């Protein structure tokens, strides 16, 4: 007999972020999930799943996208070269 797969807390947080956006505080998601799904999640579940609030709320994603655009333009849109540069930077 196959067991039913239970949705994890991290999956619920990601679903909530898709439903209401990712610009809310962790407490908002904890309360939203408790109300909508009847499950109790922790602030740490929110942080693990969708990242720190300060990174989500201050537009860090937009800055990263802009930096990626600049990198791609600098490498004449050579994905292999851009990827190679990123691998060397991460070390």
N, C-alpha and C. Protein backbone atom coordinates (compact mmCIF):
# COMPACT_ATOMS: atom_id res chain seq x y z
N UNK A 1 0.84 -1.18 0.00
CA UNK A 1 0.00 0.00 0.00
C UNK A 1 0.88 1.24 0.00
N UNK A 2 0.58 2.16 -0.87
CA UNK A 2 1.38 3.37 -1.01
C UNK A 2 0.91 4.44 -0.01
N UNK A 3 1.88 5.05 0.66
CA UNK A 3 1.55 6.11 1.61
C UNK A 3 1.28 7.41 0.87
N UNK A 4 0.38 8.21 1.42
CA UNK A 4 0.15 9.54 0.86
C UNK A 4 1.32 10.44 1.22
N UNK A 5 1.78 11.20 0.25
CA UNK A 5 2.88 12.12 0.51
C UNK A 5 2.33 13.36 1.20
N UNK A 6 2.90 13.67 2.35
CA UNK A 6 2.48 14.84 3.10
C UNK A 6 3.28 16.05 2.61
N UNK A 7 2.60 17.13 2.38
CA UNK A 7 3.26 18.35 1.95
C UNK A 7 4.14 18.87 3.08
N UNK A 8 5.39 19.18 2.76
CA UNK A 8 6.32 19.67 3.78
C UNK A 8 6.03 21.14 4.09
N UNK A 9 6.56 21.58 5.22
CA UNK A 9 6.41 22.99 5.60
C UNK A 9 7.05 23.90 4.56
N UNK A 10 8.20 23.49 4.04
CA UNK A 10 8.88 24.32 3.04
C UNK A 10 8.06 24.46 1.77
N UNK A 11 7.40 23.38 1.37
CA UNK A 11 6.53 23.44 0.19
C UNK A 11 5.34 24.36 0.44
N UNK A 12 4.79 24.31 1.66
CA UNK A 12 3.68 25.21 1.99
C UNK A 12 4.11 26.67 1.94
N UNK A 13 5.31 26.95 2.43
CA UNK A 13 5.80 28.33 2.40
C UNK A 13 5.97 28.80 0.97
N UNK A 14 6.54 27.96 0.13
CA UNK A 14 6.71 28.34 -1.29
C UNK A 14 5.36 28.56 -1.96
N UNK A 15 4.38 27.72 -1.63
CA UNK A 15 3.05 27.89 -2.18
C UNK A 15 2.43 29.21 -1.71
N UNK A 16 2.60 29.52 -0.43
CA UNK A 16 2.07 30.78 0.11
C UNK A 16 2.74 31.98 -0.57
N UNK A 17 4.04 31.88 -0.82
CA UNK A 17 4.75 32.97 -1.50
C UNK A 17 4.23 33.16 -2.92
N UNK A 18 3.87 32.07 -3.58
CA UNK A 18 3.28 32.18 -4.92
C UNK A 18 1.89 32.80 -4.84
N UNK A 19 1.15 32.46 -3.78
CA UNK A 19 -0.21 32.98 -3.64
C UNK A 19 -0.24 34.48 -3.35
N UNK A 20 0.60 34.94 -2.43
CA UNK A 20 0.51 36.32 -1.95
C UNK A 20 1.75 37.16 -2.24
N UNK A 21 2.76 36.59 -2.89
CA UNK A 21 3.98 37.33 -3.17
C UNK A 21 5.03 37.07 -2.10
N UNK A 22 6.27 37.45 -2.40
CA UNK A 22 7.36 37.13 -1.48
C UNK A 22 7.89 38.34 -0.71
N UNK A 23 7.13 39.42 -0.62
CA UNK A 23 7.60 40.64 0.03
C UNK A 23 7.10 40.80 1.46
N UNK A 24 6.55 39.74 2.05
CA UNK A 24 5.98 39.84 3.40
C UNK A 24 6.97 39.35 4.45
N UNK A 25 6.69 39.70 5.69
CA UNK A 25 7.52 39.25 6.80
C UNK A 25 7.27 37.76 7.07
N UNK A 26 8.24 37.09 7.70
CA UNK A 26 8.03 35.68 8.03
C UNK A 26 6.77 35.45 8.87
N UNK A 27 6.50 36.35 9.78
CA UNK A 27 5.32 36.20 10.63
C UNK A 27 4.03 36.16 9.80
N UNK A 28 3.99 36.99 8.74
CA UNK A 28 2.83 37.00 7.87
C UNK A 28 2.59 35.62 7.27
N UNK A 29 3.66 34.97 6.77
CA UNK A 29 3.51 33.64 6.18
C UNK A 29 3.10 32.61 7.22
N UNK A 30 3.65 32.70 8.43
CA UNK A 30 3.29 31.77 9.50
C UNK A 30 1.79 31.86 9.77
N UNK A 31 1.27 33.07 9.87
CA UNK A 31 -0.15 33.27 10.14
C UNK A 31 -1.01 32.87 8.93
N UNK A 32 -0.56 33.19 7.74
CA UNK A 32 -1.30 32.86 6.51
C UNK A 32 -1.44 31.34 6.38
N UNK A 33 -0.35 30.63 6.59
CA UNK A 33 -0.37 29.17 6.45
C UNK A 33 -1.22 28.54 7.54
N UNK A 34 -1.14 29.07 8.75
CA UNK A 34 -1.97 28.54 9.84
C UNK A 34 -3.45 28.71 9.52
N UNK A 35 -3.80 29.86 8.96
CA UNK A 35 -5.19 30.13 8.62
C UNK A 35 -5.67 29.31 7.42
N UNK A 36 -4.87 29.31 6.34
CA UNK A 36 -5.30 28.66 5.10
C UNK A 36 -5.18 27.14 5.14
N UNK A 37 -4.07 26.63 5.69
CA UNK A 37 -3.80 25.20 5.63
C UNK A 37 -3.95 24.49 6.98
N UNK A 38 -4.08 25.26 8.05
CA UNK A 38 -4.21 24.64 9.36
C UNK A 38 -2.93 23.99 9.85
N UNK A 39 -1.80 24.45 9.33
CA UNK A 39 -0.50 23.90 9.71
C UNK A 39 0.31 24.97 10.40
N UNK A 40 1.14 24.54 11.31
CA UNK A 40 2.01 25.47 12.04
C UNK A 40 3.42 25.36 11.47
N UNK A 41 3.93 26.48 10.96
CA UNK A 41 5.31 26.53 10.46
C UNK A 41 6.08 27.54 11.30
N UNK A 42 7.38 27.45 11.25
CA UNK A 42 8.25 28.36 12.00
C UNK A 42 8.81 29.44 11.09
N UNK A 43 9.31 30.51 11.72
CA UNK A 43 9.98 31.56 10.95
C UNK A 43 11.16 30.96 10.20
N UNK A 44 11.85 30.00 10.81
CA UNK A 44 13.01 29.40 10.15
C UNK A 44 12.60 28.64 8.89
N UNK A 45 11.41 28.06 8.89
CA UNK A 45 10.91 27.39 7.68
C UNK A 45 10.75 28.39 6.54
N UNK A 46 10.26 29.57 6.88
CA UNK A 46 10.08 30.62 5.88
C UNK A 46 11.43 31.04 5.32
N UNK A 47 12.40 31.27 6.21
CA UNK A 47 13.72 31.72 5.78
C UNK A 47 14.41 30.65 4.94
N UNK A 48 14.30 29.40 5.34
CA UNK A 48 14.92 28.32 4.57
C UNK A 48 14.29 28.18 3.18
N UNK A 49 13.01 28.40 3.10
CA UNK A 49 12.29 28.17 1.86
C UNK A 49 12.42 29.30 0.85
N UNK A 50 12.21 30.53 1.29
CA UNK A 50 12.19 31.65 0.32
C UNK A 50 13.22 32.73 0.61
N UNK A 51 14.10 32.52 1.58
CA UNK A 51 15.17 33.47 1.84
C UNK A 51 14.86 34.46 2.94
N UNK A 52 15.90 35.21 3.30
CA UNK A 52 15.75 36.20 4.36
C UNK A 52 14.85 37.35 3.90
N UNK A 53 14.08 37.88 4.84
CA UNK A 53 13.15 38.94 4.51
C UNK A 53 13.87 40.17 3.98
N UNK A 54 14.99 40.53 4.59
CA UNK A 54 15.69 41.73 4.14
C UNK A 54 16.16 41.59 2.70
N UNK A 55 16.50 40.39 2.27
CA UNK A 55 16.90 40.19 0.88
C UNK A 55 15.70 40.21 -0.06
N UNK A 56 14.57 39.70 0.43
CA UNK A 56 13.37 39.68 -0.41
C UNK A 56 12.74 41.06 -0.49
N UNK A 57 12.80 41.83 0.59
CA UNK A 57 12.06 43.09 0.64
C UNK A 57 12.80 44.28 0.08
N UNK A 58 14.12 44.17 -0.10
CA UNK A 58 14.85 45.35 -0.56
C UNK A 58 15.22 45.29 -2.03
N UNK A 59 14.65 44.38 -2.77
CA UNK A 59 14.92 44.34 -4.20
C UNK A 59 16.24 43.71 -4.57
N UNK A 60 16.80 42.87 -3.72
CA UNK A 60 18.07 42.22 -4.02
C UNK A 60 17.97 41.43 -5.31
N UNK A 61 16.83 40.83 -5.56
CA UNK A 61 16.64 40.05 -6.78
C UNK A 61 16.81 40.93 -8.01
N UNK A 62 16.29 42.14 -7.97
CA UNK A 62 16.43 43.06 -9.10
C UNK A 62 17.89 43.43 -9.32
N UNK A 63 18.63 43.64 -8.24
CA UNK A 63 20.06 43.98 -8.36
C UNK A 63 20.84 42.81 -8.95
N UNK A 64 20.49 41.59 -8.55
CA UNK A 64 21.17 40.42 -9.08
C UNK A 64 20.88 40.26 -10.57
N UNK A 65 19.63 40.46 -10.95
CA UNK A 65 19.27 40.37 -12.37
C UNK A 65 20.02 41.41 -13.20
N UNK A 66 20.14 42.61 -12.68
CA UNK A 66 20.85 43.66 -13.40
C UNK A 66 22.33 43.32 -13.53
N UNK A 67 22.93 42.80 -12.47
CA UNK A 67 24.34 42.38 -12.52
C UNK A 67 24.52 41.27 -13.55
N UNK A 68 23.57 40.35 -13.62
CA UNK A 68 23.64 39.26 -14.60
C UNK A 68 23.53 39.81 -16.02
N UNK A 69 22.65 40.78 -16.22
CA UNK A 69 22.53 41.39 -17.55
C UNK A 69 23.85 42.06 -17.97
N UNK A 70 24.47 42.75 -17.03
CA UNK A 70 25.75 43.42 -17.32
C UNK A 70 26.82 42.39 -17.65
N UNK A 71 26.87 41.30 -16.88
CA UNK A 71 27.84 40.24 -17.14
C UNK A 71 27.62 39.64 -18.53
N UNK A 72 26.37 39.33 -18.85
CA UNK A 72 26.09 38.73 -20.16
C UNK A 72 26.46 39.68 -21.29
N UNK A 73 26.15 40.96 -21.13
CA UNK A 73 26.50 41.94 -22.17
C UNK A 73 28.02 42.05 -22.30
N UNK A 74 28.72 42.02 -21.16
CA UNK A 74 30.19 42.12 -21.17
C UNK A 74 30.85 40.93 -21.86
N UNK A 75 30.21 39.78 -21.81
CA UNK A 75 30.77 38.58 -22.44
C UNK A 75 30.16 38.32 -23.83
N UNK A 76 29.52 39.34 -24.38
CA UNK A 76 28.86 39.22 -25.69
C UNK A 76 27.88 38.05 -25.71
N UNK A 77 27.18 37.88 -24.61
CA UNK A 77 26.13 36.87 -24.46
C UNK A 77 26.64 35.45 -24.64
N UNK A 78 27.91 35.25 -24.26
CA UNK A 78 28.51 33.91 -24.28
C UNK A 78 28.24 33.26 -22.93
N UNK A 79 27.23 32.37 -22.90
CA UNK A 79 26.82 31.75 -21.65
C UNK A 79 27.96 30.95 -21.01
N UNK A 80 28.72 30.24 -21.83
CA UNK A 80 29.83 29.43 -21.31
C UNK A 80 30.87 30.28 -20.61
N UNK A 81 31.22 31.41 -21.21
CA UNK A 81 32.20 32.31 -20.62
C UNK A 81 31.67 32.92 -19.33
N UNK A 82 30.42 33.37 -19.36
CA UNK A 82 29.81 33.96 -18.16
C UNK A 82 29.75 32.93 -17.04
N UNK A 83 29.38 31.71 -17.37
CA UNK A 83 29.32 30.65 -16.37
C UNK A 83 30.70 30.36 -15.78
N UNK A 84 31.70 30.34 -16.62
CA UNK A 84 33.07 30.10 -16.18
C UNK A 84 33.53 31.21 -15.22
N UNK A 85 33.20 32.44 -15.55
CA UNK A 85 33.57 33.57 -14.68
C UNK A 85 32.88 33.44 -13.33
N UNK A 86 31.61 33.09 -13.34
CA UNK A 86 30.87 32.94 -12.08
C UNK A 86 31.45 31.82 -11.22
N UNK A 87 31.86 30.72 -11.85
CA UNK A 87 32.46 29.62 -11.09
C UNK A 87 33.77 30.05 -10.44
N UNK A 88 34.57 30.85 -11.14
CA UNK A 88 35.82 31.31 -10.55
C UNK A 88 35.59 32.31 -9.44
N UNK A 89 34.57 33.14 -9.56
CA UNK A 89 34.26 34.14 -8.54
C UNK A 89 33.76 33.48 -7.27
N UNK A 90 33.01 32.39 -7.40
CA UNK A 90 32.40 31.75 -6.23
C UNK A 90 33.42 31.06 -5.33
N UNK A 91 34.63 30.86 -5.81
CA UNK A 91 35.64 30.17 -5.00
C UNK A 91 36.28 31.10 -4.09
